[in-house]
Amino acid sequence: MRTREDFDAALLIVASVVRSWDPYRLGGSGAPSDEFEAEIAKVVSCIPRISNAVTAAAALSSVFSASFEPELFSPAQCVAPGQELFAKLSAAGLVASA
């Protein structure tokens, strides 16, 4: 990410993926919309190391495992949101496509 606009775009993309994923199904239970803000920011900081869907899943796994229950956030359990995250970041030109 080279500019503030890139950072802002990345933040919006990661937030949309995480909120769509909603690993604890909090969205419909009245949880605050900023429930995963710290984790979203941490995933954004991982973007320079994301080069494919596998590394995107690994970033989600690492961040969510550190914040919550590691057994619920293995890289294998983060494949679907990792694929979505990589696809959206790639489409926005924020990571190099593999």
PDB file of N, CA and C in Angstrom:
ATOM      1  N   MET A   1       0.854  -1.167   0.000  1.00  0.00           N
ATOM      2  CA  MET A   1       0.000   0.000   0.000  1.00  0.00           C
ATOM      3  C   MET A   1       0.899   1.228   0.000  1.00  0.00           C
ATOM      4  N   ARG A   2       0.679   2.029  -1.004  1.00  0.00           N
ATOM      5  CA  ARG A   2       1.562   3.174  -1.174  1.00  0.00           C
ATOM      6  C   ARG A   2       0.957   4.485  -0.704  1.00  0.00           C
ATOM      7  N   THR A   3      -0.357   4.568  -0.640  1.00  0.00           N
ATOM      8  CA  THR A   3      -0.986   5.845  -0.315  1.00  0.00           C
ATOM      9  C   THR A   3      -2.022   5.670   0.788  1.00  0.00           C
ATOM     10  N   ARG A   4      -2.465   6.785   1.304  1.00  0.00           N
ATOM     11  CA  ARG A   4      -3.534   6.764   2.300  1.00  0.00           C
ATOM     12  C   ARG A   4      -4.817   6.194   1.686  1.00  0.00           C
ATOM     13  N   GLU A   5      -5.039   6.481   0.402  1.00  0.00           N
ATOM     14  CA  GLU A   5      -6.209   5.950  -0.281  1.00  0.00           C
ATOM     15  C   GLU A   5      -6.153   4.427  -0.354  1.00  0.00           C
ATOM     16  N   ASP A   6      -4.940   3.883  -0.607  1.00  0.00           N
ATOM     17  CA  ASP A   6      -4.769   2.427  -0.606  1.00  0.00           C
ATOM     18  C   ASP A   6      -5.105   1.852   0.765  1.00  0.00           C
ATOM     19  N   PHE A   7      -4.598   2.494   1.808  1.00  0.00           N
ATOM     20  CA  PHE A   7      -4.859   2.026   3.175  1.00  0.00           C
ATOM     21  C   PHE A   7      -6.352   2.050   3.475  1.00  0.00           C
ATOM     22  N   ASP A   8      -7.008   3.152   3.132  1.00  0.00           N
ATOM     23  CA  ASP A   8      -8.446   3.274   3.386  1.00  0.00           C
ATOM     24  C   ASP A   8      -9.229   2.211   2.616  1.00  0.00           C
ATOM     25  N   ALA A   9      -8.843   1.973   1.361  1.00  0.00           N
ATOM     26  CA  ALA A   9      -9.512   0.946   0.564  1.00  0.00           C
ATOM     27  C   ALA A   9      -9.301  -0.436   1.181  1.00  0.00           C
ATOM     28  N   ALA A  10      -8.078  -0.714   1.622  1.00  0.00           N
ATOM     29  CA  ALA A  10      -7.775  -2.006   2.250  1.00  0.00           C
ATOM     30  C   ALA A  10      -8.588  -2.184   3.521  1.00  0.00           C
ATOM     31  N   LEU A  11      -8.695  -1.144   4.300  1.00  0.00           N
ATOM     32  CA  LEU A  11      -9.468  -1.204   5.541  1.00  0.00           C
ATOM     33  C   LEU A  11     -10.934  -1.539   5.257  1.00  0.00           C
ATOM     34  N   LEU A  12     -11.496  -0.909   4.250  1.00  0.00           N
ATOM     35  CA  LEU A  12     -12.890  -1.189   3.879  1.00  0.00           C
ATOM     36  C   LEU A  12     -13.064  -2.622   3.378  1.00  0.00           C
ATOM     37  N   ILE A  13     -12.115  -3.099   2.598  1.00  0.00           N
ATOM     38  CA  ILE A  13     -12.202  -4.461   2.063  1.00  0.00           C
ATOM     39  C   ILE A  13     -12.105  -5.482   3.189  1.00  0.00           C
ATOM     40  N   VAL A  14     -11.101  -5.337   4.046  1.00  0.00           N
ATOM     41  CA  VAL A  14     -10.938  -6.291   5.151  1.00  0.00           C
ATOM     42  C   VAL A  14     -12.168  -6.254   6.056  1.00  0.00           C
ATOM     43  N   ALA A  15     -12.655  -5.063   6.350  1.00  0.00           N
ATOM     44  CA  ALA A  15     -13.848  -4.948   7.207  1.00  0.00           C
ATOM     45  C   ALA A  15     -15.038  -5.650   6.571  1.00  0.00           C
ATOM     46  N   SER A  16     -15.234  -5.476   5.282  1.00  0.00           N
ATOM     47  CA  SER A  16     -16.381  -6.114   4.630  1.00  0.00           C
ATOM     48  C   SER A  16     -16.254  -7.636   4.645  1.00  0.00           C
ATOM     49  N   VAL A  17     -15.052  -8.148   4.432  1.00  0.00           N
ATOM     50  CA  VAL A  17     -14.844  -9.601   4.444  1.00  0.00           C
ATOM     51  C   VAL A  17     -15.067 -10.163   5.840  1.00  0.00           C
ATOM     52  N   VAL A  18     -14.492  -9.512   6.844  1.00  0.00           N
ATOM     53  CA  VAL A  18     -14.627 -10.004   8.223  1.00  0.00           C
ATOM     54  C   VAL A  18     -16.083  -9.930   8.680  1.00  0.00           C
ATOM     55  N   ARG A  19     -16.746  -8.843   8.382  1.00  0.00           N
ATOM     56  CA  ARG A  19     -18.150  -8.717   8.805  1.00  0.00           C
ATOM     57  C   ARG A  19     -19.051  -9.710   8.069  1.00  0.00           C
ATOM     58  N   SER A  20     -18.756  -9.972   6.817  1.00  0.00           N
ATOM     59  CA  SER A  20     -19.508 -10.968   6.063  1.00  0.00           C
ATOM     60  C   SER A  20     -19.254 -12.373   6.612  1.00  0.00           C
ATOM     61  N   TRP A  21     -18.012 -12.653   6.932  1.00  0.00           N
ATOM     62  CA  TRP A  21     -17.619 -13.939   7.515  1.00  0.00           C
ATOM     63  C   TRP A  21     -18.281 -14.113   8.877  1.00  0.00           C
ATOM     64  N   ASP A  22     -18.216 -13.079   9.715  1.00  0.00           N
ATOM     65  CA  ASP A  22     -18.835 -13.045  11.046  1.00  0.00           C
ATOM     66  C   ASP A  22     -18.647 -14.377  11.782  1.00  0.00           C
ATOM     67  N   PRO A  23     -17.399 -14.700  12.153  1.00  0.00           N
ATOM     68  CA  PRO A  23     -17.104 -16.034  12.677  1.00  0.00           C
ATOM     69  C   PRO A  23     -17.883 -16.443  13.922  1.00  0.00           C
ATOM     70  N   TYR A  24     -18.356 -15.494  14.687  1.00  0.00           N
ATOM     71  CA  TYR A  24     -19.146 -15.829  15.878  1.00  0.00           C
ATOM     72  C   TYR A  24     -20.639 -15.561  15.688  1.00  0.00           C
ATOM     73  N   ARG A  25     -21.027 -15.223  14.463  1.00  0.00           N
ATOM     74  CA  ARG A  25     -22.432 -14.937  14.142  1.00  0.00           C
ATOM     75  C   ARG A  25     -23.014 -13.868  15.067  1.00  0.00           C
ATOM     76  N   LEU A  26     -22.263 -12.778  15.211  1.00  0.00           N
ATOM     77  CA  LEU A  26     -22.667 -11.694  16.106  1.00  0.00           C
ATOM     78  C   LEU A  26     -23.526 -10.641  15.415  1.00  0.00           C
ATOM     79  N   GLY A  27     -23.458 -10.593  14.096  1.00  0.00           N
ATOM     80  CA  GLY A  27     -24.160  -9.551  13.353  1.00  0.00           C
ATOM     81  C   GLY A  27     -25.645  -9.467  13.645  1.00  0.00           C
ATOM     82  N   GLY A  28     -26.299 -10.586  13.737  1.00  0.00           N
ATOM     83  CA  GLY A  28     -27.730 -10.597  13.967  1.00  0.00           C
ATOM     84  C   GLY A  28     -28.129 -10.545  15.421  1.00  0.00           C
ATOM     85  N   SER A  29     -27.144 -10.524  16.311  1.00  0.00           N
ATOM     86  CA  SER A  29     -27.459 -10.561  17.742  1.00  0.00           C
ATOM     87  C   SER A  29     -27.372  -9.190  18.407  1.00  0.00           C
ATOM     88  N   GLY A  30     -27.244  -8.153  17.618  1.00  0.00           N
ATOM     89  CA  GLY A  30     -27.187  -6.812  18.181  1.00  0.00           C
ATOM     90  C   GLY A  30     -25.803  -6.392  18.640  1.00  0.00           C
ATOM     91  N   ALA A  31     -24.770  -7.132  18.249  1.00  0.00           N
ATOM     92  CA  ALA A  31     -23.396  -6.758  18.618  1.00  0.00           C
ATOM     93  C   ALA A  31     -23.039  -5.439  17.939  1.00  0.00           C
ATOM     94  N   PRO A  32     -22.163  -4.662  18.559  1.00  0.00           N
ATOM     95  CA  PRO A  32     -21.755  -3.390  17.943  1.00  0.00           C
ATOM     96  C   PRO A  32     -21.097  -3.620  16.583  1.00  0.00           C
ATOM     97  N   SER A  33     -21.253  -2.686  15.675  1.00  0.00           N
ATOM     98  CA  SER A  33     -20.697  -2.835  14.333  1.00  0.00           C
ATOM     99  C   SER A  33     -19.173  -2.810  14.339  1.00  0.00           C
ATOM    100  N   ASP A  34     -18.585  -2.313  15.423  1.00  0.00           N
ATOM    101  CA  ASP A  34     -17.115  -2.261  15.501  1.00  0.00           C
ATOM    102  C   ASP A  34     -16.540  -3.448  16.275  1.00  0.00           C
ATOM    103  N   GLU A  35     -17.295  -4.520  16.384  1.00  0.00           N
ATOM    104  CA  GLU A  35     -16.913  -5.682  17.188  1.00  0.00           C
ATOM    105  C   GLU A  35     -15.524  -6.217  16.850  1.00  0.00           C
ATOM    106  N   PHE A  36     -15.132  -6.241  15.587  1.00  0.00           N
ATOM    107  CA  PHE A  36     -13.850  -6.816  15.190  1.00  0.00           C
ATOM    108  C   PHE A  36     -12.861  -5.758  14.694  1.00  0.00           C
ATOM    109  N   GLU A  37     -13.012  -4.516  15.112  1.00  0.00           N
ATOM    110  CA  GLU A  37     -12.157  -3.436  14.605  1.00  0.00           C
ATOM    111  C   GLU A  37     -10.672  -3.684  14.847  1.00  0.00           C
ATOM    112  N   ALA A  38     -10.302  -4.162  16.023  1.00  0.00           N
ATOM    113  CA  ALA A  38      -8.876  -4.411  16.326  1.00  0.00           C
ATOM    114  C   ALA A  38      -8.323  -5.489  15.403  1.00  0.00           C
ATOM    115  N   GLU A  39      -9.096  -6.544  15.194  1.00  0.00           N
ATOM    116  CA  GLU A  39      -8.651  -7.629  14.323  1.00  0.00           C
ATOM    117  C   GLU A  39      -8.573  -7.171  12.863  1.00  0.00           C
ATOM    118  N   ILE A  40      -9.514  -6.353  12.451  1.00  0.00           N
ATOM    119  CA  ILE A  40      -9.492  -5.821  11.089  1.00  0.00           C
ATOM    120  C   ILE A  40      -8.216  -5.011  10.864  1.00  0.00           C
ATOM    121  N   ALA A  41      -7.879  -4.161  11.809  1.00  0.00           N
ATOM    122  CA  ALA A  41      -6.656  -3.356  11.690  1.00  0.00           C
ATOM    123  C   ALA A  41      -5.413  -4.236  11.632  1.00  0.00           C
ATOM    124  N   LYS A  42      -5.407  -5.298  12.422  1.00  0.00           N
ATOM    125  CA  LYS A  42      -4.250  -6.206  12.409  1.00  0.00           C
ATOM    126  C   LYS A  42      -4.135  -6.943  11.081  1.00  0.00           C
ATOM    127  N   VAL A  43      -5.254  -7.344  10.508  1.00  0.00           N
ATOM    128  CA  VAL A  43      -5.214  -8.010   9.199  1.00  0.00           C
ATOM    129  C   VAL A  43      -4.708  -7.036   8.139  1.00  0.00           C
ATOM    130  N   VAL A  44      -5.138  -5.791   8.191  1.00  0.00           N
ATOM    131  CA  VAL A  44      -4.650  -4.786   7.237  1.00  0.00           C
ATOM    132  C   VAL A  44      -3.132  -4.675   7.322  1.00  0.00           C
ATOM    133  N   SER A  45      -2.592  -4.740   8.531  1.00  0.00           N
ATOM    134  CA  SER A  45      -1.128  -4.643   8.680  1.00  0.00           C
ATOM    135  C   SER A  45      -0.413  -5.860   8.086  1.00  0.00           C
ATOM    136  N   CYS A  46      -1.135  -6.947   7.861  1.00  0.00           N
ATOM    137  CA  CYS A  46      -0.554  -8.157   7.255  1.00  0.00           C
ATOM    138  C   CYS A  46      -0.559  -8.119   5.731  1.00  0.00           C
ATOM    139  N   ILE A  47      -1.245  -7.185   5.129  1.00  0.00           N
ATOM    140  CA  ILE A  47      -1.428  -7.172   3.673  1.00  0.00           C
ATOM    141  C   ILE A  47      -0.109  -7.212   2.903  1.00  0.00           C
ATOM    142  N   PRO A  48       0.950  -6.529   3.331  1.00  0.00           N
ATOM    143  CA  PRO A  48       2.197  -6.627   2.557  1.00  0.00           C
ATOM    144  C   PRO A  48       2.740  -8.054   2.437  1.00  0.00           C
ATOM    145  N   ARG A  49       2.324  -8.946   3.329  1.00  0.00           N
ATOM    146  CA  ARG A  49       2.787 -10.333   3.286  1.00  0.00           C
ATOM    147  C   ARG A  49       1.781 -11.279   2.617  1.00  0.00           C
ATOM    148  N   ILE A  50       0.677 -10.731   2.132  1.00  0.00           N
ATOM    149  CA  ILE A  50      -0.335 -11.548   1.456  1.00  0.00           C
ATOM    150  C   ILE A  50      -0.013 -11.588  -0.038  1.00  0.00           C
ATOM    151  N   SER A  51       0.177 -12.823  -0.548  1.00  0.00           N
ATOM    152  CA  SER A  51       0.505 -12.969  -1.965  1.00  0.00           C
ATOM    153  C   SER A  51      -0.418 -13.941  -2.684  1.00  0.00           C
ATOM    154  N   ASN A  52      -1.317 -14.596  -1.924  1.00  0.00           N
ATOM    155  CA  ASN A  52      -2.266 -15.529  -2.516  1.00  0.00           C
ATOM    156  C   ASN A  52      -3.350 -15.830  -1.479  1.00  0.00           C
ATOM    157  N   ALA A  53      -4.306 -16.662  -1.851  1.00  0.00           N
ATOM    158  CA  ALA A  53      -5.410 -16.970  -0.936  1.00  0.00           C
ATOM    159  C   ALA A  53      -4.927 -17.721   0.304  1.00  0.00           C
ATOM    160  N   VAL A  54      -3.887 -18.526   0.149  1.00  0.00           N
ATOM    161  CA  VAL A  54      -3.349 -19.274   1.293  1.00  0.00           C
ATOM    162  C   VAL A  54      -2.749 -18.330   2.326  1.00  0.00           C
ATOM    163  N   THR A  55      -1.991 -17.338   1.881  1.00  0.00           N
ATOM    164  CA  THR A  55      -1.400 -16.399   2.838  1.00  0.00           C
ATOM    165  C   THR A  55      -2.454 -15.464   3.414  1.00  0.00           C
ATOM    166  N   ALA A  56      -3.517 -15.206   2.667  1.00  0.00           N
ATOM    167  CA  ALA A  56      -4.626 -14.409   3.213  1.00  0.00           C
ATOM    168  C   ALA A  56      -5.318 -15.187   4.327  1.00  0.00           C
ATOM    169  N   ALA A  57      -5.559 -16.487   4.100  1.00  0.00           N
ATOM    170  CA  ALA A  57      -6.169 -17.335   5.131  1.00  0.00           C
ATOM    171  C   ALA A  57      -5.257 -17.429   6.348  1.00  0.00           C
ATOM    172  N   ALA A  58      -3.949 -17.524   6.112  1.00  0.00           N
ATOM    173  CA  ALA A  58      -2.994 -17.594   7.218  1.00  0.00           C
ATOM    174  C   ALA A  58      -3.004 -16.309   8.040  1.00  0.00           C
ATOM    175  N   ALA A  59      -3.148 -15.165   7.371  1.00  0.00           N
ATOM    176  CA  ALA A  59      -3.213 -13.886   8.097  1.00  0.00           C
ATOM    177  C   ALA A  59      -4.455 -13.834   8.974  1.00  0.00           C
ATOM    178  N   LEU A  60      -5.602 -14.218   8.414  1.00  0.00           N
ATOM    179  CA  LEU A  60      -6.835 -14.253   9.207  1.00  0.00           C
ATOM    180  C   LEU A  60      -6.692 -15.218  10.379  1.00  0.00           C
ATOM    181  N   SER A  61      -6.140 -16.389  10.120  1.00  0.00           N
ATOM    182  CA  SER A  61      -5.943 -17.390  11.165  1.00  0.00           C
ATOM    183  C   SER A  61      -5.066 -16.856  12.284  1.00  0.00           C
ATOM    184  N   SER A  62      -3.957 -16.260  11.926  1.00  0.00           N
ATOM    185  CA  SER A  62      -3.018 -15.742  12.912  1.00  0.00           C
ATOM    186  C   SER A  62      -3.656 -14.664  13.786  1.00  0.00           C
ATOM    187  N   VAL A  63      -4.317 -13.726  13.169  1.00  0.00           N
ATOM    188  CA  VAL A  63      -4.933 -12.613  13.899  1.00  0.00           C
ATOM    189  C   VAL A  63      -6.071 -13.101  14.798  1.00  0.00           C
ATOM    190  N   PHE A  64      -6.969 -13.891  14.243  1.00  0.00           N
ATOM    191  CA  PHE A  64      -8.119 -14.331  15.037  1.00  0.00           C
ATOM    192  C   PHE A  64      -7.740 -15.368  16.088  1.00  0.00           C
ATOM    193  N   SER A  65      -6.741 -16.192  15.809  1.00  0.00           N
ATOM    194  CA  SER A  65      -6.264 -17.153  16.816  1.00  0.00           C
ATOM    195  C   SER A  65      -5.651 -16.441  18.010  1.00  0.00           C
ATOM    196  N   ALA A  66      -4.927 -15.369  17.740  1.00  0.00           N
ATOM    197  CA  ALA A  66      -4.294 -14.611  18.822  1.00  0.00           C
ATOM    198  C   ALA A  66      -5.329 -13.872  19.670  1.00  0.00           C
ATOM    199  N   SER A  67      -6.413 -13.457  19.049  1.00  0.00           N
ATOM    200  CA  SER A  67      -7.425 -12.681  19.765  1.00  0.00           C
ATOM    201  C   SER A  67      -8.489 -13.538  20.446  1.00  0.00           C
ATOM    202  N   PHE A  68      -8.765 -14.705  19.882  1.00  0.00           N
ATOM    203  CA  PHE A  68      -9.876 -15.510  20.372  1.00  0.00           C
ATOM    204  C   PHE A  68      -9.422 -16.944  20.636  1.00  0.00           C
ATOM    205  N   GLU A  69     -10.178 -17.897  20.169  1.00  0.00           N
ATOM    206  CA  GLU A  69      -9.911 -19.307  20.429  1.00  0.00           C
ATOM    207  C   GLU A  69      -9.117 -19.915  19.273  1.00  0.00           C
ATOM    208  N   PRO A  70      -7.837 -20.251  19.497  1.00  0.00           N
ATOM    209  CA  PRO A  70      -7.003 -20.754  18.402  1.00  0.00           C
ATOM    210  C   PRO A  70      -7.582 -21.979  17.700  1.00  0.00           C
ATOM    211  N   GLU A  71      -8.256 -22.838  18.438  1.00  0.00           N
ATOM    212  CA  GLU A  71      -8.784 -24.057  17.817  1.00  0.00           C
ATOM    213  C   GLU A  71      -9.904 -23.769  16.822  1.00  0.00           C
ATOM    214  N   LEU A  72     -10.482 -22.594  16.872  1.00  0.00           N
ATOM    215  CA  LEU A  72     -11.553 -22.237  15.934  1.00  0.00           C
ATOM    216  C   LEU A  72     -11.051 -21.522  14.683  1.00  0.00           C
ATOM    217  N   PHE A  73      -9.771 -21.169  14.676  1.00  0.00           N
ATOM    218  CA  PHE A  73      -9.260 -20.328  13.588  1.00  0.00           C
ATOM    219  C   PHE A  73      -7.989 -20.878  12.961  1.00  0.00           C
ATOM    220  N   SER A  74      -7.979 -22.160  12.655  1.00  0.00           N
ATOM    221  CA  SER A  74      -6.841 -22.738  11.941  1.00  0.00           C
ATOM    222  C   SER A  74      -6.837 -22.182  10.517  1.00  0.00           C
ATOM    223  N   PRO A  75      -5.699 -22.251   9.836  1.00  0.00           N
ATOM    224  CA  PRO A  75      -5.697 -21.806   8.439  1.00  0.00           C
ATOM    225  C   PRO A  75      -6.753 -22.526   7.599  1.00  0.00           C
ATOM    226  N   ALA A  76      -6.979 -23.799   7.861  1.00  0.00           N
ATOM    227  CA  ALA A  76      -7.984 -24.548   7.103  1.00  0.00           C
ATOM    228  C   ALA A  76      -9.384 -23.990   7.330  1.00  0.00           C
ATOM    229  N   GLN A  77      -9.655 -23.518   8.539  1.00  0.00           N
ATOM    230  CA  GLN A  77     -10.971 -22.962   8.844  1.00  0.00           C
ATOM    231  C   GLN A  77     -11.145 -21.551   8.300  1.00  0.00           C
ATOM    232  N   CYS A  78     -10.058 -20.957   7.847  1.00  0.00           N
ATOM    233  CA  CYS A  78     -10.103 -19.590   7.320  1.00  0.00           C
ATOM    234  C   CYS A  78      -9.961 -19.549   5.801  1.00  0.00           C
ATOM    235  N   VAL A  79     -10.070 -20.709   5.148  1.00  0.00           N
ATOM    236  CA  VAL A  79      -9.884 -20.775   3.691  1.00  0.00           C
ATOM    237  C   VAL A  79     -10.895 -19.914   2.948  1.00  0.00           C
ATOM    238  N   ALA A  80     -12.174 -20.080   3.228  1.00  0.00           N
ATOM    239  CA  ALA A  80     -13.200 -19.338   2.469  1.00  0.00           C
ATOM    240  C   ALA A  80     -13.041 -17.824   2.615  1.00  0.00           C
ATOM    241  N   PRO A  81     -12.937 -17.290   3.848  1.00  0.00           N
ATOM    242  CA  PRO A  81     -12.739 -15.843   3.934  1.00  0.00           C
ATOM    243  C   PRO A  81     -11.381 -15.416   3.376  1.00  0.00           C
ATOM    244  N   GLY A  82     -10.388 -16.290   3.456  1.00  0.00           N
ATOM    245  CA  GLY A  82      -9.075 -15.972   2.879  1.00  0.00           C
ATOM    246  C   GLY A  82      -9.150 -15.835   1.369  1.00  0.00           C
ATOM    247  N   GLN A  83      -9.909 -16.724   0.734  1.00  0.00           N
ATOM    248  CA  GLN A  83     -10.093 -16.638  -0.723  1.00  0.00           C
ATOM    249  C   GLN A  83     -10.813 -15.353  -1.105  1.00  0.00           C
ATOM    250  N   GLU A  84     -11.850 -15.030  -0.360  1.00  0.00           N
ATOM    251  CA  GLU A  84     -12.605 -13.801  -0.635  1.00  0.00           C
ATOM    252  C   GLU A  84     -11.728 -12.566  -0.422  1.00  0.00           C
ATOM    253  N   LEU A  85     -10.972 -12.579   0.669  1.00  0.00           N
ATOM    254  CA  LEU A  85     -10.100 -11.444   0.969  1.00  0.00           C
ATOM    255  C   LEU A  85      -9.072 -11.252  -0.136  1.00  0.00           C
ATOM    256  N   PHE A  86      -8.401 -12.324  -0.527  1.00  0.00           N
ATOM    257  CA  PHE A  86      -7.392 -12.196  -1.574  1.00  0.00           C
ATOM    258  C   PHE A  86      -8.005 -11.720  -2.885  1.00  0.00           C
ATOM    259  N   ALA A  87      -9.148 -12.265  -3.244  1.00  0.00           N
ATOM    260  CA  ALA A  87      -9.801 -11.859  -4.496  1.00  0.00           C
ATOM    261  C   ALA A  87     -10.133 -10.372  -4.490  1.00  0.00           C
ATOM    262  N   LYS A  88     -10.667  -9.891  -3.384  1.00  0.00           N
ATOM    263  CA  LYS A  88     -11.052  -8.472  -3.320  1.00  0.00           C
ATOM    264  C   LYS A  88      -9.834  -7.552  -3.272  1.00  0.00           C
ATOM    265  N   LEU A  89      -8.809  -7.961  -2.534  1.00  0.00           N
ATOM    266  CA  LEU A  89      -7.585  -7.147  -2.498  1.00  0.00           C
ATOM    267  C   LEU A  89      -6.916  -7.117  -3.861  1.00  0.00           C
ATOM    268  N   SER A  90      -6.909  -8.262  -4.540  1.00  0.00           N
ATOM    269  CA  SER A  90      -6.334  -8.333  -5.889  1.00  0.00           C
ATOM    270  C   SER A  90      -7.097  -7.450  -6.867  1.00  0.00           C
ATOM    271  N   ALA A  91      -8.417  -7.539  -6.811  1.00  0.00           N
ATOM    272  CA  ALA A  91      -9.250  -6.745  -7.719  1.00  0.00           C
ATOM    273  C   ALA A  91      -9.025  -5.255  -7.521  1.00  0.00           C
ATOM    274  N   ALA A  92      -8.717  -4.878  -6.290  1.00  0.00           N
ATOM    275  CA  ALA A  92      -8.473  -3.460  -5.985  1.00  0.00           C
ATOM    276  C   ALA A  92      -7.025  -3.044  -6.265  1.00  0.00           C
ATOM    277  N   GLY A  93      -6.206  -4.007  -6.675  1.00  0.00           N
ATOM    278  CA  GLY A  93      -4.802  -3.705  -6.949  1.00  0.00           C
ATOM    279  C   GLY A  93      -3.962  -3.505  -5.712  1.00  0.00           C
ATOM    280  N   LEU A  94      -4.392  -4.083  -4.590  1.00  0.00           N
ATOM    281  CA  LEU A  94      -3.690  -3.870  -3.323  1.00  0.00           C
ATOM    282  C   LEU A  94      -2.702  -4.991  -3.003  1.00  0.00           C
ATOM    283  N   VAL A  95      -2.767  -6.080  -3.754  1.00  0.00           N
ATOM    284  CA  VAL A  95      -1.779  -7.168  -3.671  1.00  0.00           C
ATOM    285  C   VAL A  95      -1.524  -7.641  -5.086  1.00  0.00           C
ATOM    286  N   ALA A  96      -0.379  -8.239  -5.279  1.00  0.00           N
ATOM    287  CA  ALA A  96      -0.068  -8.790  -6.590  1.00  0.00           C
ATOM    288  C   ALA A  96      -0.780 -10.112  -6.744  1.00  0.00           C
ATOM    289  N   SER A  97      -1.416 -10.326  -7.869  1.00  0.00           N
ATOM    290  CA  SER A  97      -2.079 -11.608  -8.128  1.00  0.00           C
ATOM    291  C   SER A  97      -1.044 -12.680  -8.328  1.00  0.00           C
ATOM    292  N   ALA A  98      -1.333 -13.862  -7.785  1.00  0.00           N
ATOM    293  CA  ALA A  98      -0.397 -14.978  -7.910  1.00  0.00           C
ATOM    294  C   ALA A  98      -0.522 -15.622  -9.270  1.00  0.00           C
TER     295      ALA A  98
END
